[in-house]
Structures are given as structure tokens and as C-alpha cells.
């Protein structure tokens, strides 16, 4: 289960990154100030998406889909750690002592 959760986390990051880069490209095409604002000022990207919803809805939903996939992968990773019982079928190795000869 761990490999699948890691794969989903990486896929989610990649999908969200694609959506964010598309929005950033749209912002820089609008003006350099919009692009720099998205890079350095919190919530400017959200304001840009709301103001230009007709153009930005696809990259925004791509970003949201990536975040959802990321959360699913994180949830699977946490669930696999929480629900995996400890393995008590094999005893721990016995301690070996070094005797003086």
C-alpha cells in the first residue's frame, strides 16, 4: 500500500503543479505585475483566477484535482501506517554476549 500512496502523492503534486504553472503563464501574459504578484504576494493568484474565471477555470480545476489526488495518497499512506498491526510472529533475536577467553 505504501508504493501506491507514494505514487498518488507524486501524481497529485505533478497535476497541481501543471495547473499552477498554467495560471502563472496566463498571469504573465496579462502583465508582468500580475505574474510577479502571483509569485510573491499571498492570495493574488486566487484573485486573478476569480477576476478571469472564463479563462482560468480549467487550470484552476486541474490544480484542485491534483490537490484531491494528493490528499487521497496522503490518506492512504496514513491509513496504511495506522491499520498495519505489528508483526509478533517472529521473536526478536537473542542478545549475544562476548565471553572473555
PDB file of N, CA and C in Angstrom:
ATOM      1  N   UNK A   1       0.822  -1.196   0.000  1.00  0.00           N
ATOM      2  CA  UNK A   1       0.000   0.000   0.000  1.00  0.00           C
ATOM      3  C   UNK A   1       0.858   1.249   0.000  1.00  0.00           C
ATOM      4  N   UNK A   2       2.071   1.167   0.521  1.00  0.00           N
ATOM      5  CA  UNK A   2       2.940   2.329   0.598  1.00  0.00           C
ATOM      6  C   UNK A   2       3.355   2.841  -0.776  1.00  0.00           C
ATOM      7  N   UNK A   3       3.634   1.948  -1.700  1.00  0.00           N
ATOM      8  CA  UNK A   3       4.070   2.369  -3.028  1.00  0.00           C
ATOM      9  C   UNK A   3       2.949   3.088  -3.778  1.00  0.00           C
ATOM     10  N   UNK A   4       1.727   2.595  -3.632  1.00  0.00           N
ATOM     11  CA  UNK A   4       0.600   3.244  -4.291  1.00  0.00           C
ATOM     12  C   UNK A   4       0.352   4.636  -3.713  1.00  0.00           C
ATOM     13  N   UNK A   5       0.480   4.775  -2.409  1.00  0.00           N
ATOM     14  CA  UNK A   5       0.261   6.090  -1.808  1.00  0.00           C
ATOM     15  C   UNK A   5       1.345   7.076  -2.254  1.00  0.00           C
ATOM     16  N   UNK A   6       2.581   6.620  -2.342  1.00  0.00           N
ATOM     17  CA  UNK A   6       3.651   7.498  -2.821  1.00  0.00           C
ATOM     18  C   UNK A   6       3.405   7.894  -4.269  1.00  0.00           C
ATOM     19  N   UNK A   7       2.963   6.944  -5.079  1.00  0.00           N
ATOM     20  CA  UNK A   7       2.666   7.239  -6.482  1.00  0.00           C
ATOM     21  C   UNK A   7       1.549   8.275  -6.600  1.00  0.00           C
ATOM     22  N   UNK A   8       0.498   8.131  -5.789  1.00  0.00           N
ATOM     23  CA  UNK A   8      -0.592   9.101  -5.819  1.00  0.00           C
ATOM     24  C   UNK A   8      -0.140  10.475  -5.330  1.00  0.00           C
ATOM     25  N   UNK A   9       0.695  10.507  -4.315  1.00  0.00           N
ATOM     26  CA  UNK A   9       1.210  11.787  -3.825  1.00  0.00           C
ATOM     27  C   UNK A   9       2.015  12.485  -4.912  1.00  0.00           C
ATOM     28  N   UNK A  10       2.903  11.762  -5.564  1.00  0.00           N
ATOM     29  CA  UNK A  10       3.718  12.364  -6.630  1.00  0.00           C
ATOM     30  C   UNK A  10       2.862  12.784  -7.821  1.00  0.00           C
ATOM     31  N   UNK A  11       1.868  11.972  -8.174  1.00  0.00           N
ATOM     32  CA  UNK A  11       0.977  12.339  -9.276  1.00  0.00           C
ATOM     33  C   UNK A  11       0.176  13.585  -8.921  1.00  0.00           C
ATOM     34  N   UNK A  12      -0.307  13.665  -7.690  1.00  0.00           N
ATOM     35  CA  UNK A  12      -1.061  14.842  -7.255  1.00  0.00           C
ATOM     36  C   UNK A  12      -0.227  16.098  -7.289  1.00  0.00           C
ATOM     37  N   UNK A  13       1.014  15.993  -6.841  1.00  0.00           N
ATOM     38  CA  UNK A  13       1.911  17.152  -6.887  1.00  0.00           C
ATOM     39  C   UNK A  13       2.127  17.576  -8.334  1.00  0.00           C
ATOM     40  N   UNK A  14       2.350  16.613  -9.220  1.00  0.00           N
ATOM     41  CA  UNK A  14       2.572  16.940 -10.630  1.00  0.00           C
ATOM     42  C   UNK A  14       1.361  17.583 -11.278  1.00  0.00           C
ATOM     43  N   UNK A  15       0.175  17.044 -11.003  1.00  0.00           N
ATOM     44  CA  UNK A  15      -1.044  17.603 -11.598  1.00  0.00           C
ATOM     45  C   UNK A  15      -1.295  19.014 -11.081  1.00  0.00           C
ATOM     46  N   UNK A  16      -1.134  19.217  -9.774  1.00  0.00           N
ATOM     47  CA  UNK A  16      -1.334  20.549  -9.202  1.00  0.00           C
ATOM     48  C   UNK A  16      -0.299  21.528  -9.744  1.00  0.00           C
ATOM     49  N   UNK A  17       0.918  21.065  -9.923  1.00  0.00           N
ATOM     50  CA  UNK A  17       1.968  21.934 -10.461  1.00  0.00           C
ATOM     51  C   UNK A  17       1.656  22.374 -11.887  1.00  0.00           C
ATOM     52  N   UNK A  18       1.112  21.467 -12.682  1.00  0.00           N
ATOM     53  CA  UNK A  18       0.726  21.822 -14.058  1.00  0.00           C
ATOM     54  C   UNK A  18      -0.334  22.924 -14.046  1.00  0.00           C
ATOM     55  N   UNK A  19      -1.354  22.780 -13.189  1.00  0.00           N
ATOM     56  CA  UNK A  19      -2.393  23.811 -13.092  1.00  0.00           C
ATOM     57  C   UNK A  19      -1.842  25.147 -12.630  1.00  0.00           C
ATOM     58  N   UNK A  20      -0.949  25.117 -11.644  1.00  0.00           N
ATOM     59  CA  UNK A  20      -0.359  26.360 -11.154  1.00  0.00           C
ATOM     60  C   UNK A  20       0.504  27.038 -12.209  1.00  0.00           C
ATOM     61  N   UNK A  21       1.261  26.267 -12.947  1.00  0.00           N
ATOM     62  CA  UNK A  21       2.110  26.851 -13.993  1.00  0.00           C
ATOM     63  C   UNK A  21       1.255  27.452 -15.100  1.00  0.00           C
ATOM     64  N   UNK A  22       0.153  26.787 -15.445  1.00  0.00           N
ATOM     65  CA  UNK A  22      -0.739  27.349 -16.464  1.00  0.00           C
ATOM     66  C   UNK A  22      -1.311  28.691 -16.006  1.00  0.00           C
ATOM     67  N   UNK A  23      -1.717  28.790 -14.751  1.00  0.00           N
ATOM     68  CA  UNK A  23      -2.239  30.060 -14.229  1.00  0.00           C
ATOM     69  C   UNK A  23      -1.134  31.111 -14.221  1.00  0.00           C
ATOM     70  N   UNK A  24       0.062  30.718 -13.840  1.00  0.00           N
ATOM     71  CA  UNK A  24       1.181  31.660 -13.823  1.00  0.00           C
ATOM     72  C   UNK A  24       1.497  32.175 -15.224  1.00  0.00           C
ATOM     73  N   UNK A  25       1.450  31.311 -16.214  1.00  0.00           N
ATOM     74  CA  UNK A  25       1.689  31.741 -17.594  1.00  0.00           C
ATOM     75  C   UNK A  25       0.608  32.722 -18.032  1.00  0.00           C
ATOM     76  N   UNK A  26      -0.658  32.435 -17.699  1.00  0.00           N
ATOM     77  CA  UNK A  26      -1.743  33.366 -18.042  1.00  0.00           C
ATOM     78  C   UNK A  26      -1.534  34.716 -17.375  1.00  0.00           C
ATOM     79  N   UNK A  27      -1.072  34.698 -16.143  1.00  0.00           N
ATOM     80  CA  UNK A  27      -0.864  35.948 -15.420  1.00  0.00           C
ATOM     81  C   UNK A  27       0.264  36.756 -16.051  1.00  0.00           C
ATOM     82  N   UNK A  28       1.356  36.120 -16.415  1.00  0.00           N
ATOM     83  CA  UNK A  28       2.454  36.851 -17.057  1.00  0.00           C
ATOM     84  C   UNK A  28       2.055  37.346 -18.447  1.00  0.00           C
ATOM     85  N   UNK A  29       1.175  36.634 -19.151  1.00  0.00           N
ATOM     86  CA  UNK A  29       0.683  37.127 -20.439  1.00  0.00           C
ATOM     87  C   UNK A  29      -0.186  38.363 -20.256  1.00  0.00           C
ATOM     88  N   UNK A  30      -0.907  38.411 -19.130  1.00  0.00           N
ATOM     89  CA  UNK A  30      -1.726  39.591 -18.820  1.00  0.00           C
ATOM     90  C   UNK A  30      -0.832  40.796 -18.542  1.00  0.00           C
ATOM     91  N   UNK A  31       0.077  40.650 -17.607  1.00  0.00           N
ATOM     92  CA  UNK A  31       1.086  41.674 -17.326  1.00  0.00           C
ATOM     93  C   UNK A  31       2.142  41.084 -16.406  1.00  0.00           C
ATOM     94  N   UNK A  32       3.300  41.706 -16.416  1.00  0.00           N
ATOM     95  CA  UNK A  32       4.393  41.246 -15.568  1.00  0.00           C
ATOM     96  C   UNK A  32       4.029  41.413 -14.098  1.00  0.00           C
ATOM     97  N   UNK A  33       3.287  42.468 -13.762  1.00  0.00           N
ATOM     98  CA  UNK A  33       2.909  42.689 -12.366  1.00  0.00           C
ATOM     99  C   UNK A  33       1.995  41.580 -11.836  1.00  0.00           C
ATOM    100  N   UNK A  34       1.059  41.117 -12.670  1.00  0.00           N
ATOM    101  CA  UNK A  34       0.214  40.002 -12.236  1.00  0.00           C
ATOM    102  C   UNK A  34       1.068  38.761 -11.964  1.00  0.00           C
ATOM    103  N   UNK A  35       1.983  38.472 -12.856  1.00  0.00           N
ATOM    104  CA  UNK A  35       2.843  37.305 -12.680  1.00  0.00           C
ATOM    105  C   UNK A  35       3.704  37.395 -11.434  1.00  0.00           C
ATOM    106  N   UNK A  36       4.322  38.544 -11.221  1.00  0.00           N
ATOM    107  CA  UNK A  36       5.137  38.723 -10.023  1.00  0.00           C
ATOM    108  C   UNK A  36       4.275  38.712  -8.768  1.00  0.00           C
ATOM    109  N   UNK A  37       3.070  39.269  -8.878  1.00  0.00           N
ATOM    110  CA  UNK A  37       2.162  39.244  -7.736  1.00  0.00           C
ATOM    111  C   UNK A  37       1.789  37.825  -7.342  1.00  0.00           C
ATOM    112  N   UNK A  38       1.533  36.985  -8.330  1.00  0.00           N
ATOM    113  CA  UNK A  38       1.197  35.589  -8.037  1.00  0.00           C
ATOM    114  C   UNK A  38       2.390  34.878  -7.394  1.00  0.00           C
ATOM    115  N   UNK A  39       3.588  35.209  -7.844  1.00  0.00           N
ATOM    116  CA  UNK A  39       4.766  34.553  -7.291  1.00  0.00           C
ATOM    117  C   UNK A  39       5.070  34.983  -5.856  1.00  0.00           C
ATOM    118  N   UNK A  40       4.863  36.271  -5.541  1.00  0.00           N
ATOM    119  CA  UNK A  40       5.381  36.794  -4.285  1.00  0.00           C
ATOM    120  C   UNK A  40       4.351  37.295  -3.287  1.00  0.00           C
ATOM    121  N   UNK A  41       3.097  37.480  -3.677  1.00  0.00           N
ATOM    122  CA  UNK A  41       2.085  38.032  -2.777  1.00  0.00           C
ATOM    123  C   UNK A  41       1.004  36.975  -2.537  1.00  0.00           C
ATOM    124  N   UNK A  42       0.717  36.676  -1.267  1.00  0.00           N
ATOM    125  CA  UNK A  42      -0.310  35.668  -0.988  1.00  0.00           C
ATOM    126  C   UNK A  42      -1.684  36.065  -1.530  1.00  0.00           C
ATOM    127  N   UNK A  43      -2.423  35.110  -2.009  1.00  0.00           N
ATOM    128  CA  UNK A  43      -3.807  35.216  -2.478  1.00  0.00           C
ATOM    129  C   UNK A  43      -3.988  36.019  -3.765  1.00  0.00           C
ATOM    130  N   UNK A  44      -2.925  36.512  -4.368  1.00  0.00           N
ATOM    131  CA  UNK A  44      -3.071  37.221  -5.642  1.00  0.00           C
ATOM    132  C   UNK A  44      -3.479  36.237  -6.737  1.00  0.00           C
ATOM    133  N   UNK A  45      -2.986  35.013  -6.659  1.00  0.00           N
ATOM    134  CA  UNK A  45      -3.376  34.004  -7.638  1.00  0.00           C
ATOM    135  C   UNK A  45      -4.860  33.710  -7.582  1.00  0.00           C
ATOM    136  N   UNK A  46      -5.406  33.626  -6.389  1.00  0.00           N
ATOM    137  CA  UNK A  46      -6.842  33.390  -6.241  1.00  0.00           C
ATOM    138  C   UNK A  46      -7.646  34.581  -6.762  1.00  0.00           C
ATOM    139  N   UNK A  47      -7.186  35.778  -6.486  1.00  0.00           N
ATOM    140  CA  UNK A  47      -7.857  36.977  -7.008  1.00  0.00           C
ATOM    141  C   UNK A  47      -7.812  36.986  -8.535  1.00  0.00           C
ATOM    142  N   UNK A  48      -6.659  36.621  -9.095  1.00  0.00           N
ATOM    143  CA  UNK A  48      -6.525  36.579 -10.553  1.00  0.00           C
ATOM    144  C   UNK A  48      -7.493  35.559 -11.155  1.00  0.00           C
ATOM    145  N   UNK A  49      -7.606  34.394 -10.537  1.00  0.00           N
ATOM    146  CA  UNK A  49      -8.500  33.348 -11.049  1.00  0.00           C
ATOM    147  C   UNK A  49      -9.949  33.808 -10.976  1.00  0.00           C
ATOM    148  N   UNK A  50     -10.339  34.442  -9.873  1.00  0.00           N
ATOM    149  CA  UNK A  50     -11.726  34.901  -9.726  1.00  0.00           C
ATOM    150  C   UNK A  50     -12.037  35.998 -10.746  1.00  0.00           C
ATOM    151  N   UNK A  51     -11.101  36.910 -10.962  1.00  0.00           N
ATOM    152  CA  UNK A  51     -11.347  38.014 -11.889  1.00  0.00           C
ATOM    153  C   UNK A  51     -11.377  37.552 -13.347  1.00  0.00           C
ATOM    154  N   UNK A  52     -10.674  36.468 -13.654  1.00  0.00           N
ATOM    155  CA  UNK A  52     -10.612  35.973 -15.031  1.00  0.00           C
ATOM    156  C   UNK A  52     -11.077  34.524 -15.106  1.00  0.00           C
ATOM    157  N   UNK A  53     -12.212  34.251 -14.483  1.00  0.00           N
ATOM    158  CA  UNK A  53     -12.728  32.900 -14.377  1.00  0.00           C
ATOM    159  C   UNK A  53     -12.953  32.255 -15.745  1.00  0.00           C
ATOM    160  N   UNK A  54     -13.395  33.020 -16.727  1.00  0.00           N
ATOM    161  CA  UNK A  54     -13.677  32.475 -18.059  1.00  0.00           C
ATOM    162  C   UNK A  54     -12.437  31.843 -18.686  1.00  0.00           C
ATOM    163  N   UNK A  55     -11.265  32.391 -18.374  1.00  0.00           N
ATOM    164  CA  UNK A  55     -10.027  31.866 -18.946  1.00  0.00           C
ATOM    165  C   UNK A  55      -9.319  30.882 -18.012  1.00  0.00           C
ATOM    166  N   UNK A  56      -9.523  31.031 -16.724  1.00  0.00           N
ATOM    167  CA  UNK A  56      -8.718  30.292 -15.742  1.00  0.00           C
ATOM    168  C   UNK A  56      -9.401  29.095 -15.107  1.00  0.00           C
ATOM    169  N   UNK A  57     -10.616  28.776 -15.493  1.00  0.00           N
ATOM    170  CA  UNK A  57     -11.314  27.716 -14.777  1.00  0.00           C
ATOM    171  C   UNK A  57     -10.688  26.343 -15.008  1.00  0.00           C
ATOM    172  N   UNK A  58     -10.191  26.087 -16.214  1.00  0.00           N
ATOM    173  CA  UNK A  58      -9.583  24.772 -16.471  1.00  0.00           C
ATOM    174  C   UNK A  58      -8.285  24.558 -15.677  1.00  0.00           C
ATOM    175  N   UNK A  59      -7.346  25.523 -15.699  1.00  0.00           N
ATOM    176  CA  UNK A  59      -6.148  25.315 -14.871  1.00  0.00           C
ATOM    177  C   UNK A  59      -6.462  25.272 -13.374  1.00  0.00           C
ATOM    178  N   UNK A  60      -7.452  26.052 -12.943  1.00  0.00           N
ATOM    179  CA  UNK A  60      -7.831  26.037 -11.531  1.00  0.00           C
ATOM    180  C   UNK A  60      -8.373  24.667 -11.132  1.00  0.00           C
ATOM    181  N   UNK A  61      -9.248  24.105 -11.951  1.00  0.00           N
ATOM    182  CA  UNK A  61      -9.788  22.779 -11.648  1.00  0.00           C
ATOM    183  C   UNK A  61      -8.718  21.690 -11.775  1.00  0.00           C
ATOM    184  N   UNK A  62      -7.743  21.887 -12.650  1.00  0.00           N
ATOM    185  CA  UNK A  62      -6.607  20.969 -12.719  1.00  0.00           C
ATOM    186  C   UNK A  62      -5.835  20.999 -11.407  1.00  0.00           C
ATOM    187  N   UNK A  63      -5.627  22.200 -10.883  1.00  0.00           N
ATOM    188  CA  UNK A  63      -4.955  22.362  -9.604  1.00  0.00           C
ATOM    189  C   UNK A  63      -5.744  21.676  -8.485  1.00  0.00           C
ATOM    190  N   UNK A  64      -7.047  21.890  -8.448  1.00  0.00           N
ATOM    191  CA  UNK A  64      -7.892  21.281  -7.422  1.00  0.00           C
ATOM    192  C   UNK A  64      -7.864  19.754  -7.543  1.00  0.00           C
ATOM    193  N   UNK A  65      -7.914  19.240  -8.765  1.00  0.00           N
ATOM    194  CA  UNK A  65      -7.862  17.781  -8.960  1.00  0.00           C
ATOM    195  C   UNK A  65      -6.536  17.221  -8.453  1.00  0.00           C
ATOM    196  N   UNK A  66      -5.454  17.934  -8.706  1.00  0.00           N
ATOM    197  CA  UNK A  66      -4.154  17.492  -8.203  1.00  0.00           C
ATOM    198  C   UNK A  66      -4.104  17.468  -6.689  1.00  0.00           C
ATOM    199  N   UNK A  67      -4.694  18.463  -6.061  1.00  0.00           N
ATOM    200  CA  UNK A  67      -4.716  18.501  -4.600  1.00  0.00           C
ATOM    201  C   UNK A  67      -5.560  17.360  -4.049  1.00  0.00           C
ATOM    202  N   UNK A  68      -6.673  17.049  -4.708  1.00  0.00           N
ATOM    203  CA  UNK A  68      -7.518  15.933  -4.255  1.00  0.00           C
ATOM    204  C   UNK A  68      -6.753  14.612  -4.369  1.00  0.00           C
ATOM    205  N   UNK A  69      -6.053  14.399  -5.472  1.00  0.00           N
ATOM    206  CA  UNK A  69      -5.262  13.173  -5.641  1.00  0.00           C
ATOM    207  C   UNK A  69      -4.162  13.113  -4.580  1.00  0.00           C
ATOM    208  N   UNK A  70      -3.532  14.251  -4.297  1.00  0.00           N
ATOM    209  CA  UNK A  70      -2.509  14.324  -3.260  1.00  0.00           C
ATOM    210  C   UNK A  70      -3.076  13.931  -1.901  1.00  0.00           C
ATOM    211  N   UNK A  71      -4.243  14.471  -1.551  1.00  0.00           N
ATOM    212  CA  UNK A  71      -4.875  14.145  -0.271  1.00  0.00           C
ATOM    213  C   UNK A  71      -5.250  12.667  -0.188  1.00  0.00           C
ATOM    214  N   UNK A  72      -5.727  12.105  -1.284  1.00  0.00           N
ATOM    215  CA  UNK A  72      -6.065  10.679  -1.282  1.00  0.00           C
ATOM    216  C   UNK A  72      -4.806   9.846  -1.025  1.00  0.00           C
ATOM    217  N   UNK A  73      -3.722  10.202  -1.691  1.00  0.00           N
ATOM    218  CA  UNK A  73      -2.469   9.478  -1.471  1.00  0.00           C
ATOM    219  C   UNK A  73      -1.967   9.624  -0.044  1.00  0.00           C
ATOM    220  N   UNK A  74      -2.069  10.830   0.510  1.00  0.00           N
ATOM    221  CA  UNK A  74      -1.645  11.035   1.896  1.00  0.00           C
ATOM    222  C   UNK A  74      -2.532  10.256   2.855  1.00  0.00           C
ATOM    223  N   UNK A  75      -3.841  10.252   2.596  1.00  0.00           N
ATOM    224  CA  UNK A  75      -4.754   9.498   3.440  1.00  0.00           C
ATOM    225  C   UNK A  75      -4.474   8.011   3.388  1.00  0.00           C
ATOM    226  N   UNK A  76      -4.176   7.497   2.197  1.00  0.00           N
ATOM    227  CA  UNK A  76      -3.852   6.078   2.080  1.00  0.00           C
ATOM    228  C   UNK A  76      -2.560   5.751   2.820  1.00  0.00           C
ATOM    229  N   UNK A  77      -1.590   6.657   2.742  1.00  0.00           N
ATOM    230  CA  UNK A  77      -0.332   6.432   3.441  1.00  0.00           C
ATOM    231  C   UNK A  77      -0.511   6.416   4.943  1.00  0.00           C
ATOM    232  N   UNK A  78      -1.289   7.350   5.450  1.00  0.00           N
ATOM    233  CA  UNK A  78      -1.551   7.392   6.890  1.00  0.00           C
ATOM    234  C   UNK A  78      -2.364   6.177   7.312  1.00  0.00           C
ATOM    235  N   UNK A  79      -3.374   5.834   6.530  1.00  0.00           N
ATOM    236  CA  UNK A  79      -4.218   4.687   6.880  1.00  0.00           C
ATOM    237  C   UNK A  79      -3.417   3.393   6.867  1.00  0.00           C
ATOM    238  N   UNK A  80      -2.483   3.260   5.952  1.00  0.00           N
ATOM    239  CA  UNK A  80      -1.700   2.027   5.921  1.00  0.00           C
ATOM    240  C   UNK A  80      -0.773   1.942   7.119  1.00  0.00           C
ATOM    241  N   UNK A  81      -0.312   3.064   7.634  1.00  0.00           N
ATOM    242  CA  UNK A  81       0.542   3.042   8.817  1.00  0.00           C
ATOM    243  C   UNK A  81      -0.259   2.785  10.084  1.00  0.00           C
ATOM    244  N   UNK A  82      -1.465   3.314  10.127  1.00  0.00           N
ATOM    245  CA  UNK A  82      -2.284   3.175  11.326  1.00  0.00           C
ATOM    246  C   UNK A  82      -2.883   1.783  11.424  1.00  0.00           C
ATOM    247  N   UNK A  83      -3.311   1.225  10.302  1.00  0.00           N
ATOM    248  CA  UNK A  83      -4.029  -0.051  10.334  1.00  0.00           C
ATOM    249  C   UNK A  83      -3.128  -1.274  10.223  1.00  0.00           C
ATOM    250  N   UNK A  84      -1.831  -1.087  10.033  1.00  0.00           N
ATOM    251  CA  UNK A  84      -0.931  -2.224   9.935  1.00  0.00           C
ATOM    252  C   UNK A  84      -0.567  -2.686  11.342  1.00  0.00           C
ATOM    253  N   UNK A  85      -0.986  -3.889  11.701  1.00  0.00           N
ATOM    254  CA  UNK A  85      -0.662  -4.371  13.049  1.00  0.00           C
ATOM    255  C   UNK A  85       0.810  -4.752  13.138  1.00  0.00           C
ATOM    256  N   UNK A  86       1.379  -4.678  14.319  1.00  0.00           N
ATOM    257  CA  UNK A  86       2.776  -5.099  14.465  1.00  0.00           C
ATOM    258  C   UNK A  86       2.914  -6.596  14.256  1.00  0.00           C
ATOM    259  N   UNK A  87       4.060  -7.011  13.772  1.00  0.00           N
ATOM    260  CA  UNK A  87       4.312  -8.424  13.493  1.00  0.00           C
ATOM    261  C   UNK A  87       5.008  -9.054  14.690  1.00  0.00           C
ATOM    262  N   UNK A  88       4.254  -9.860  15.431  1.00  0.00           N
ATOM    263  CA  UNK A  88       4.804 -10.542  16.595  1.00  0.00           C
ATOM    264  C   UNK A  88       5.040 -12.031  16.329  1.00  0.00           C
ATOM    265  N   UNK A  89       4.996 -12.439  15.065  1.00  0.00           N
ATOM    266  CA  UNK A  89       5.123 -13.858  14.755  1.00  0.00           C
ATOM    267  C   UNK A  89       6.548 -14.354  14.935  1.00  0.00           C
ATOM    268  N   UNK A  90       7.528 -13.509  14.761  1.00  0.00           N
ATOM    269  CA  UNK A  90       8.915 -13.931  14.933  1.00  0.00           C
ATOM    270  C   UNK A  90       9.477 -13.266  16.180  1.00  0.00           C
ATOM    271  N   UNK A  91      10.143 -14.020  17.028  1.00  0.00           N
ATOM    272  CA  UNK A  91      10.708 -13.418  18.234  1.00  0.00           C
ATOM    273  C   UNK A  91      11.920 -12.557  17.885  1.00  0.00           C
ATOM    274  N   UNK A  92      12.211 -11.599  18.716  1.00  0.00           N
ATOM    275  CA  UNK A  92      13.395 -10.787  18.444  1.00  0.00           C
ATOM    276  C   UNK A  92      14.656 -11.623  18.598  1.00  0.00           C
ATOM    277  N   UNK A  93      15.724 -11.252  17.936  1.00  0.00           N
ATOM    278  CA  UNK A  93      16.953 -12.047  18.045  1.00  0.00           C
ATOM    279  C   UNK A  93      17.497 -11.985  19.472  1.00  0.00           C
ATOM    280  N   UNK A  94      18.060 -13.088  19.894  1.00  0.00           N
ATOM    281  CA  UNK A  94      18.634 -13.151  21.241  1.00  0.00           C
ATOM    282  C   UNK A  94      19.914 -12.340  21.287  1.00  0.00           C
ATOM    283  N   UNK A  95      20.127 -11.724  22.437  1.00  0.00           N
ATOM    284  CA  UNK A  95      21.342 -10.936  22.593  1.00  0.00           C
ATOM    285  C   UNK A  95      22.527 -11.875  22.769  1.00  0.00           C
ATOM    286  N   UNK A  96      23.596 -11.565  22.105  1.00  0.00           N
ATOM    287  CA  UNK A  96      24.788 -12.379  22.217  1.00  0.00           C
ATOM    288  C   UNK A  96      25.795 -11.635  23.068  1.00  0.00           C
ATOM    289  N   UNK A  97      26.393 -12.344  23.960  1.00  0.00           N
ATOM    290  CA  UNK A  97      27.418 -11.738  24.804  1.00  0.00           C
ATOM    291  C   UNK A  97      28.769 -12.270  24.396  1.00  0.00           C
ATOM    292  N   UNK A  98      29.731 -11.424  24.519  1.00  0.00           N
ATOM    293  CA  UNK A  98      31.100 -11.813  24.198  1.00  0.00           C
ATOM    294  C   UNK A  98      31.738 -12.283  25.498  1.00  0.00           C
ATOM    295  N   UNK A  99      32.196 -13.526  25.518  1.00  0.00           N
ATOM    296  CA  UNK A  99      32.839 -14.037  26.721  1.00  0.00           C
ATOM    297  C   UNK A  99      34.341 -13.875  26.608  1.00  0.00           C
ATOM    298  N   UNK A 100      34.961 -13.614  27.734  1.00  0.00           N
ATOM    299  CA  UNK A 100      36.411 -13.477  27.746  1.00  0.00           C
ATOM    300  C   UNK A 100      37.038 -14.871  27.676  1.00  0.00           C
ATOM    301  N   UNK A 101      38.031 -15.026  26.858  1.00  0.00           N
ATOM    302  CA  UNK A 101      38.683 -16.330  26.715  1.00  0.00           C
ATOM    303  C   UNK A 101      40.014 -16.324  27.354  1.00  0.00           C
TER     304      UNK A 101
END
